[in-house]
Amino acid sequence: MATPQDQQPAQAYGQPPVIIINNNSSAAASAAAVIGGAGLRRRRQSLWAHFWLFMFTAGIGNVFYAVHVSRWNRDRGL
């Protein structure tokens, strides 16, 4: 069966896929982000940063790095 030139042939599509959204886990994750201060995480001291700062700054850089991380956590209430 031929179709006229100004008409597109009908395409047979199957049923649309079923999409299931698990609201339990996403709601819990959203609540945790809000309770935890908009998802901010506490910064930790890095062993490797302290090692390299000790090697290149004779330990003076370690003090500044430790103060920086501590102040960052304190300012955000973490």
PDB file of N, CA and C in Angstrom:
ATOM      1  N   MET A   1       0.844  -1.164   0.000  1.00  0.00           N
ATOM      2  CA  MET A   1       0.000   0.000   0.000  1.00  0.00           C
ATOM      3  C   MET A   1       0.895   1.234   0.000  1.00  0.00           C
ATOM      4  N   ALA A   2       0.685   2.096  -0.915  1.00  0.00           N
ATOM      5  CA  ALA A   2       1.490   3.298  -1.052  1.00  0.00           C
ATOM      6  C   ALA A   2       0.825   4.465  -0.330  1.00  0.00           C
ATOM      7  N   THR A   3       1.673   5.355   0.233  1.00  0.00           N
ATOM      8  CA  THR A   3       1.124   6.539   0.895  1.00  0.00           C
ATOM      9  C   THR A   3       1.291   7.731  -0.032  1.00  0.00           C
ATOM     10  N   PRO A   4       0.407   8.690   0.052  1.00  0.00           N
ATOM     11  CA  PRO A   4       0.576   9.889  -0.766  1.00  0.00           C
ATOM     12  C   PRO A   4       1.866  10.615  -0.382  1.00  0.00           C
ATOM     13  N   GLN A   5       2.408  11.398  -1.291  1.00  0.00           N
ATOM     14  CA  GLN A   5       3.695  12.045  -1.064  1.00  0.00           C
ATOM     15  C   GLN A   5       3.634  13.103   0.045  1.00  0.00           C
ATOM     16  N   ASP A   6       2.510  13.718   0.292  1.00  0.00           N
ATOM     17  CA  ASP A   6       2.430  14.750   1.311  1.00  0.00           C
ATOM     18  C   ASP A   6       2.115  14.193   2.697  1.00  0.00           C
ATOM     19  N   GLN A   7       2.035  12.903   2.817  1.00  0.00           N
ATOM     20  CA  GLN A   7       1.688  12.282   4.091  1.00  0.00           C
ATOM     21  C   GLN A   7       2.807  11.335   4.512  1.00  0.00           C
ATOM     22  N   GLN A   8       3.165  11.398   5.792  1.00  0.00           N
ATOM     23  CA  GLN A   8       4.186  10.508   6.325  1.00  0.00           C
ATOM     24  C   GLN A   8       3.558   9.154   6.641  1.00  0.00           C
ATOM     25  N   PRO A   9       4.310   8.081   6.483  1.00  0.00           N
ATOM     26  CA  PRO A   9       3.752   6.779   6.839  1.00  0.00           C
ATOM     27  C   PRO A   9       3.551   6.686   8.355  1.00  0.00           C
ATOM     28  N   ALA A  10       2.541   6.001   8.755  1.00  0.00           N
ATOM     29  CA  ALA A  10       2.256   5.831  10.184  1.00  0.00           C
ATOM     30  C   ALA A  10       3.300   4.909  10.788  1.00  0.00           C
ATOM     31  N   GLN A  11       3.855   5.330  11.903  1.00  0.00           N
ATOM     32  CA  GLN A  11       4.864   4.516  12.569  1.00  0.00           C
ATOM     33  C   GLN A  11       4.236   3.902  13.807  1.00  0.00           C
ATOM     34  N   ALA A  12       4.433   2.624  13.921  1.00  0.00           N
ATOM     35  CA  ALA A  12       3.854   1.908  15.056  1.00  0.00           C
ATOM     36  C   ALA A  12       4.858   1.909  16.201  1.00  0.00           C
ATOM     37  N   TYR A  13       4.529   2.612  17.254  1.00  0.00           N
ATOM     38  CA  TYR A  13       5.373   2.630  18.444  1.00  0.00           C
ATOM     39  C   TYR A  13       4.721   1.757  19.495  1.00  0.00           C
ATOM     40  N   GLY A  14       5.554   1.188  20.354  1.00  0.00           N
ATOM     41  CA  GLY A  14       5.038   0.380  21.443  1.00  0.00           C
ATOM     42  C   GLY A  14       4.556   1.274  22.576  1.00  0.00           C
ATOM     43  N   GLN A  15       4.214   0.661  23.661  1.00  0.00           N
ATOM     44  CA  GLN A  15       3.782   1.402  24.833  1.00  0.00           C
ATOM     45  C   GLN A  15       4.955   2.207  25.385  1.00  0.00           C
ATOM     46  N   PRO A  16       4.675   3.371  25.961  1.00  0.00           N
ATOM     47  CA  PRO A  16       5.779   4.122  26.567  1.00  0.00           C
ATOM     48  C   PRO A  16       6.340   3.348  27.757  1.00  0.00           C
ATOM     49  N   PRO A  17       7.627   3.536  28.050  1.00  0.00           N
ATOM     50  CA  PRO A  17       8.230   2.785  29.154  1.00  0.00           C
ATOM     51  C   PRO A  17       7.626   3.207  30.495  1.00  0.00           C
ATOM     52  N   VAL A  18       7.599   2.273  31.401  1.00  0.00           N
ATOM     53  CA  VAL A  18       7.106   2.544  32.735  1.00  0.00           C
ATOM     54  C   VAL A  18       8.266   3.103  33.555  1.00  0.00           C
ATOM     55  N   ILE A  19       8.065   4.279  34.136  1.00  0.00           N
ATOM     56  CA  ILE A  19       9.108   4.920  34.930  1.00  0.00           C
ATOM     57  C   ILE A  19       8.691   4.854  36.390  1.00  0.00           C
ATOM     58  N   ILE A  20       9.553   4.262  37.211  1.00  0.00           N
ATOM     59  CA  ILE A  20       9.270   4.135  38.637  1.00  0.00           C
ATOM     60  C   ILE A  20      10.253   5.018  39.381  1.00  0.00           C
ATOM     61  N   ILE A  21       9.733   5.899  40.209  1.00  0.00           N
ATOM     62  CA  ILE A  21      10.571   6.784  41.001  1.00  0.00           C
ATOM     63  C   ILE A  21      10.490   6.341  42.455  1.00  0.00           C
ATOM     64  N   ASN A  22      11.638   6.052  43.029  1.00  0.00           N
ATOM     65  CA  ASN A  22      11.681   5.630  44.425  1.00  0.00           C
ATOM     66  C   ASN A  22      11.751   6.885  45.287  1.00  0.00           C
ATOM     67  N   ASN A  23      10.616   7.336  45.782  1.00  0.00           N
ATOM     68  CA  ASN A  23      10.565   8.572  46.550  1.00  0.00           C
ATOM     69  C   ASN A  23      11.125   8.423  47.953  1.00  0.00           C
ATOM     70  N   ASN A  24      11.197   7.226  48.473  1.00  0.00           N
ATOM     71  CA  ASN A  24      11.674   7.051  49.847  1.00  0.00           C
ATOM     72  C   ASN A  24      13.130   7.457  49.993  1.00  0.00           C
ATOM     73  N   SER A  25      13.998   6.991  49.105  1.00  0.00           N
ATOM     74  CA  SER A  25      15.414   7.297  49.258  1.00  0.00           C
ATOM     75  C   SER A  25      15.715   8.741  48.890  1.00  0.00           C
ATOM     76  N   SER A  26      15.073   9.275  47.849  1.00  0.00           N
ATOM     77  CA  SER A  26      15.370  10.646  47.466  1.00  0.00           C
ATOM     78  C   SER A  26      14.848  11.628  48.500  1.00  0.00           C
ATOM     79  N   ALA A  27      13.728  11.330  49.154  1.00  0.00           N
ATOM     80  CA  ALA A  27      13.212  12.207  50.189  1.00  0.00           C
ATOM     81  C   ALA A  27      14.144  12.199  51.396  1.00  0.00           C
ATOM     82  N   ALA A  28      14.684  11.059  51.733  1.00  0.00           N
ATOM     83  CA  ALA A  28      15.600  10.972  52.867  1.00  0.00           C
ATOM     84  C   ALA A  28      16.895  11.724  52.570  1.00  0.00           C
ATOM     85  N   ALA A  29      17.379  11.611  51.342  1.00  0.00           N
ATOM     86  CA  ALA A  29      18.604  12.316  50.980  1.00  0.00           C
ATOM     87  C   ALA A  29      18.384  13.819  50.995  1.00  0.00           C
ATOM     88  N   SER A  30      17.233  14.271  50.535  1.00  0.00           N
ATOM     89  CA  SER A  30      16.936  15.697  50.551  1.00  0.00           C
ATOM     90  C   SER A  30      16.822  16.217  51.970  1.00  0.00           C
ATOM     91  N   ALA A  31      16.190  15.454  52.830  1.00  0.00           N
ATOM     92  CA  ALA A  31      16.044  15.875  54.220  1.00  0.00           C
ATOM     93  C   ALA A  31      17.400  15.938  54.901  1.00  0.00           C
ATOM     94  N   ALA A  32      18.274  14.986  54.607  1.00  0.00           N
ATOM     95  CA  ALA A  32      19.595  14.987  55.215  1.00  0.00           C
ATOM     96  C   ALA A  32      20.400  16.191  54.755  1.00  0.00           C
ATOM     97  N   ALA A  33      20.243  16.578  53.491  1.00  0.00           N
ATOM     98  CA  ALA A  33      20.975  17.730  52.981  1.00  0.00           C
ATOM     99  C   ALA A  33      20.510  19.009  53.653  1.00  0.00           C
ATOM    100  N   VAL A  34      19.224  19.133  53.899  1.00  0.00           N
ATOM    101  CA  VAL A  34      18.697  20.338  54.533  1.00  0.00           C
ATOM    102  C   VAL A  34      19.109  20.389  55.994  1.00  0.00           C
ATOM    103  N   ILE A  35      19.017  19.266  56.685  1.00  0.00           N
ATOM    104  CA  ILE A  35      19.361  19.228  58.108  1.00  0.00           C
ATOM    105  C   ILE A  35      20.857  19.456  58.295  1.00  0.00           C
ATOM    106  N   GLY A  36      21.675  18.919  57.387  1.00  0.00           N
ATOM    107  CA  GLY A  36      23.124  19.012  57.531  1.00  0.00           C
ATOM    108  C   GLY A  36      23.703  20.349  57.119  1.00  0.00           C
ATOM    109  N   GLY A  37      22.904  21.366  56.883  1.00  0.00           N
ATOM    110  CA  GLY A  37      23.438  22.666  56.509  1.00  0.00           C
ATOM    111  C   GLY A  37      23.663  22.777  55.024  1.00  0.00           C
ATOM    112  N   ALA A  38      22.649  22.447  54.239  1.00  0.00           N
ATOM    113  CA  ALA A  38      22.672  22.546  52.776  1.00  0.00           C
ATOM    114  C   ALA A  38      23.740  21.650  52.174  1.00  0.00           C
ATOM    115  N   GLY A  39      23.990  20.522  52.784  1.00  0.00           N
ATOM    116  CA  GLY A  39      24.897  19.547  52.209  1.00  0.00           C
ATOM    117  C   GLY A  39      26.369  19.839  52.426  1.00  0.00           C
ATOM    118  N   LEU A  40      26.703  20.786  53.287  1.00  0.00           N
ATOM    119  CA  LEU A  40      28.107  21.087  53.527  1.00  0.00           C
ATOM    120  C   LEU A  40      28.736  19.984  54.359  1.00  0.00           C
ATOM    121  N   ARG A  41      29.911  19.623  53.980  1.00  0.00           N
ATOM    122  CA  ARG A  41      30.633  18.610  54.735  1.00  0.00           C
ATOM    123  C   ARG A  41      31.807  19.247  55.446  1.00  0.00           C
ATOM    124  N   ARG A  42      32.157  18.668  56.568  1.00  0.00           N
ATOM    125  CA  ARG A  42      33.282  19.152  57.366  1.00  0.00           C
ATOM    126  C   ARG A  42      34.577  18.879  56.621  1.00  0.00           C
ATOM    127  N   ARG A  43      35.443  19.882  56.554  1.00  0.00           N
ATOM    128  CA  ARG A  43      36.748  19.683  55.933  1.00  0.00           C
ATOM    129  C   ARG A  43      37.661  18.987  56.910  1.00  0.00           C
ATOM    130  N   ARG A  44      38.436  18.076  56.406  1.00  0.00           N
ATOM    131  CA  ARG A  44      39.387  17.316  57.235  1.00  0.00           C
ATOM    132  C   ARG A  44      40.804  17.753  56.906  1.00  0.00           C
ATOM    133  N   GLN A  45      41.676  17.562  57.846  1.00  0.00           N
ATOM    134  CA  GLN A  45      43.088  17.831  57.617  1.00  0.00           C
ATOM    135  C   GLN A  45      43.643  16.744  56.694  1.00  0.00           C
ATOM    136  N   SER A  46      44.434  17.119  55.708  1.00  0.00           N
ATOM    137  CA  SER A  46      44.998  16.165  54.767  1.00  0.00           C
ATOM    138  C   SER A  46      46.425  15.793  55.187  1.00  0.00           C
ATOM    139  N   LEU A  47      46.643  14.504  55.328  1.00  0.00           N
ATOM    140  CA  LEU A  47      47.983  14.034  55.701  1.00  0.00           C
ATOM    141  C   LEU A  47      49.006  14.427  54.641  1.00  0.00           C
ATOM    142  N   TRP A  48      48.647  14.273  53.366  1.00  0.00           N
ATOM    143  CA  TRP A  48      49.592  14.584  52.287  1.00  0.00           C
ATOM    144  C   TRP A  48      49.866  16.080  52.193  1.00  0.00           C
ATOM    145  N   ALA A  49      48.856  16.890  52.421  1.00  0.00           N
ATOM    146  CA  ALA A  49      49.090  18.338  52.420  1.00  0.00           C
ATOM    147  C   ALA A  49      50.056  18.713  53.542  1.00  0.00           C
ATOM    148  N   HIS A  50      49.873  18.134  54.716  1.00  0.00           N
ATOM    149  CA  HIS A  50      50.785  18.420  55.825  1.00  0.00           C
ATOM    150  C   HIS A  50      52.198  17.921  55.524  1.00  0.00           C
ATOM    151  N   PHE A  51      52.300  16.755  54.897  1.00  0.00           N
ATOM    152  CA  PHE A  51      53.611  16.214  54.555  1.00  0.00           C
ATOM    153  C   PHE A  51      54.368  17.152  53.619  1.00  0.00           C
ATOM    154  N   TRP A  52      53.712  17.555  52.522  1.00  0.00           N
ATOM    155  CA  TRP A  52      54.387  18.410  51.542  1.00  0.00           C
ATOM    156  C   TRP A  52      54.647  19.804  52.086  1.00  0.00           C
ATOM    157  N   LEU A  53      53.731  20.311  52.903  1.00  0.00           N
ATOM    158  CA  LEU A  53      53.981  21.611  53.525  1.00  0.00           C
ATOM    159  C   LEU A  53      55.181  21.534  54.473  1.00  0.00           C
ATOM    160  N   PHE A  54      55.297  20.437  55.196  1.00  0.00           N
ATOM    161  CA  PHE A  54      56.449  20.264  56.080  1.00  0.00           C
ATOM    162  C   PHE A  54      57.745  20.205  55.281  1.00  0.00           C
ATOM    163  N   MET A  55      57.705  19.495  54.144  1.00  0.00           N
ATOM    164  CA  MET A  55      58.911  19.352  53.331  1.00  0.00           C
ATOM    165  C   MET A  55      59.340  20.681  52.710  1.00  0.00           C
ATOM    166  N   PHE A  56      58.370  21.492  52.259  1.00  0.00           N
ATOM    167  CA  PHE A  56      58.721  22.705  51.522  1.00  0.00           C
ATOM    168  C   PHE A  56      58.732  23.980  52.364  1.00  0.00           C
ATOM    169  N   THR A  57      58.087  23.983  53.518  1.00  0.00           N
ATOM    170  CA  THR A  57      58.022  25.218  54.305  1.00  0.00           C
ATOM    171  C   THR A  57      58.578  25.046  55.709  1.00  0.00           C
ATOM    172  N   ALA A  58      59.226  23.946  55.982  1.00  0.00           N
ATOM    173  CA  ALA A  58      59.837  23.672  57.289  1.00  0.00           C
ATOM    174  C   ALA A  58      58.817  23.743  58.418  1.00  0.00           C
ATOM    175  N   GLY A  59      57.578  23.375  58.122  1.00  0.00           N
ATOM    176  CA  GLY A  59      56.556  23.300  59.163  1.00  0.00           C
ATOM    177  C   GLY A  59      55.709  24.544  59.338  1.00  0.00           C
ATOM    178  N   ILE A  60      56.158  25.691  58.812  1.00  0.00           N
ATOM    179  CA  ILE A  60      55.394  26.929  58.962  1.00  0.00           C
ATOM    180  C   ILE A  60      54.078  26.839  58.180  1.00  0.00           C
ATOM    181  N   GLY A  61      54.104  26.233  56.997  1.00  0.00           N
ATOM    182  CA  GLY A  61      52.896  26.083  56.187  1.00  0.00           C
ATOM    183  C   GLY A  61      51.855  25.212  56.860  1.00  0.00           C
ATOM    184  N   ASN A  62      52.304  24.245  57.677  1.00  0.00           N
ATOM    185  CA  ASN A  62      51.366  23.379  58.398  1.00  0.00           C
ATOM    186  C   ASN A  62      50.483  24.184  59.337  1.00  0.00           C
ATOM    187  N   VAL A  63      51.050  25.166  59.981  1.00  0.00           N
ATOM    188  CA  VAL A  63      50.286  25.993  60.917  1.00  0.00           C
ATOM    189  C   VAL A  63      49.216  26.765  60.165  1.00  0.00           C
ATOM    190  N   PHE A  64      49.596  27.392  59.057  1.00  0.00           N
ATOM    191  CA  PHE A  64      48.623  28.164  58.276  1.00  0.00           C
ATOM    192  C   PHE A  64      47.533  27.275  57.691  1.00  0.00           C
ATOM    193  N   TYR A  65      47.921  26.088  57.227  1.00  0.00           N
ATOM    194  CA  TYR A  65      46.931  25.161  56.668  1.00  0.00           C
ATOM    195  C   TYR A  65      45.955  24.692  57.751  1.00  0.00           C
ATOM    196  N   ALA A  66      46.461  24.349  58.925  1.00  0.00           N
ATOM    197  CA  ALA A  66      45.597  23.885  60.007  1.00  0.00           C
ATOM    198  C   ALA A  66      44.638  24.991  60.460  1.00  0.00           C
ATOM    199  N   VAL A  67      45.131  26.216  60.537  1.00  0.00           N
ATOM    200  CA  VAL A  67      44.271  27.345  60.911  1.00  0.00           C
ATOM    201  C   VAL A  67      43.211  27.570  59.856  1.00  0.00           C
ATOM    202  N   HIS A  68      43.584  27.473  58.591  1.00  0.00           N
ATOM    203  CA  HIS A  68      42.628  27.674  57.491  1.00  0.00           C
ATOM    204  C   HIS A  68      41.494  26.648  57.553  1.00  0.00           C
ATOM    205  N   VAL A  69      41.810  25.383  57.710  1.00  0.00           N
ATOM    206  CA  VAL A  69      40.783  24.343  57.746  1.00  0.00           C
ATOM    207  C   VAL A  69      39.918  24.486  58.994  1.00  0.00           C
ATOM    208  N   SER A  70      40.524  24.779  60.119  1.00  0.00           N
ATOM    209  CA  SER A  70      39.755  24.944  61.359  1.00  0.00           C
ATOM    210  C   SER A  70      38.808  26.138  61.256  1.00  0.00           C
ATOM    211  N   ARG A  71      39.267  27.242  60.699  1.00  0.00           N
ATOM    212  CA  ARG A  71      38.423  28.424  60.544  1.00  0.00           C
ATOM    213  C   ARG A  71      37.286  28.159  59.563  1.00  0.00           C
ATOM    214  N   TRP A  72      37.569  27.422  58.481  1.00  0.00           N
ATOM    215  CA  TRP A  72      36.538  27.095  57.483  1.00  0.00           C
ATOM    216  C   TRP A  72      35.421  26.296  58.148  1.00  0.00           C
ATOM    217  N   ASN A  73      35.768  25.310  58.968  1.00  0.00           N
ATOM    218  CA  ASN A  73      34.759  24.508  59.671  1.00  0.00           C
ATOM    219  C   ASN A  73      34.003  25.343  60.701  1.00  0.00           C
ATOM    220  N   ARG A  74      34.712  26.175  61.447  1.00  0.00           N
ATOM    221  CA  ARG A  74      34.068  26.975  62.484  1.00  0.00           C
ATOM    222  C   ARG A  74      33.087  27.986  61.883  1.00  0.00           C
ATOM    223  N   ASP A  75      33.458  28.626  60.774  1.00  0.00           N
ATOM    224  CA  ASP A  75      32.601  29.627  60.137  1.00  0.00           C
ATOM    225  C   ASP A  75      31.295  29.019  59.626  1.00  0.00           C
ATOM    226  N   ARG A  76      31.329  27.747  59.282  1.00  0.00           N
ATOM    227  CA  ARG A  76      30.138  27.088  58.759  1.00  0.00           C
ATOM    228  C   ARG A  76      29.403  26.286  59.832  1.00  0.00           C
ATOM    229  N   GLY A  77      29.866  26.352  61.047  1.00  0.00           N
ATOM    230  CA  GLY A  77      29.227  25.669  62.153  1.00  0.00           C
ATOM    231  C   GLY A  77      29.354  24.161  62.088  1.00  0.00           C
ATOM    232  N   LEU A  78      30.447  23.689  61.532  1.00  0.00           N
ATOM    233  CA  LEU A  78      30.640  22.235  61.376  1.00  0.00           C
ATOM    234  C   LEU A  78      31.646  21.705  62.362  1.00  0.00           C
TER     235      LEU A  78
END
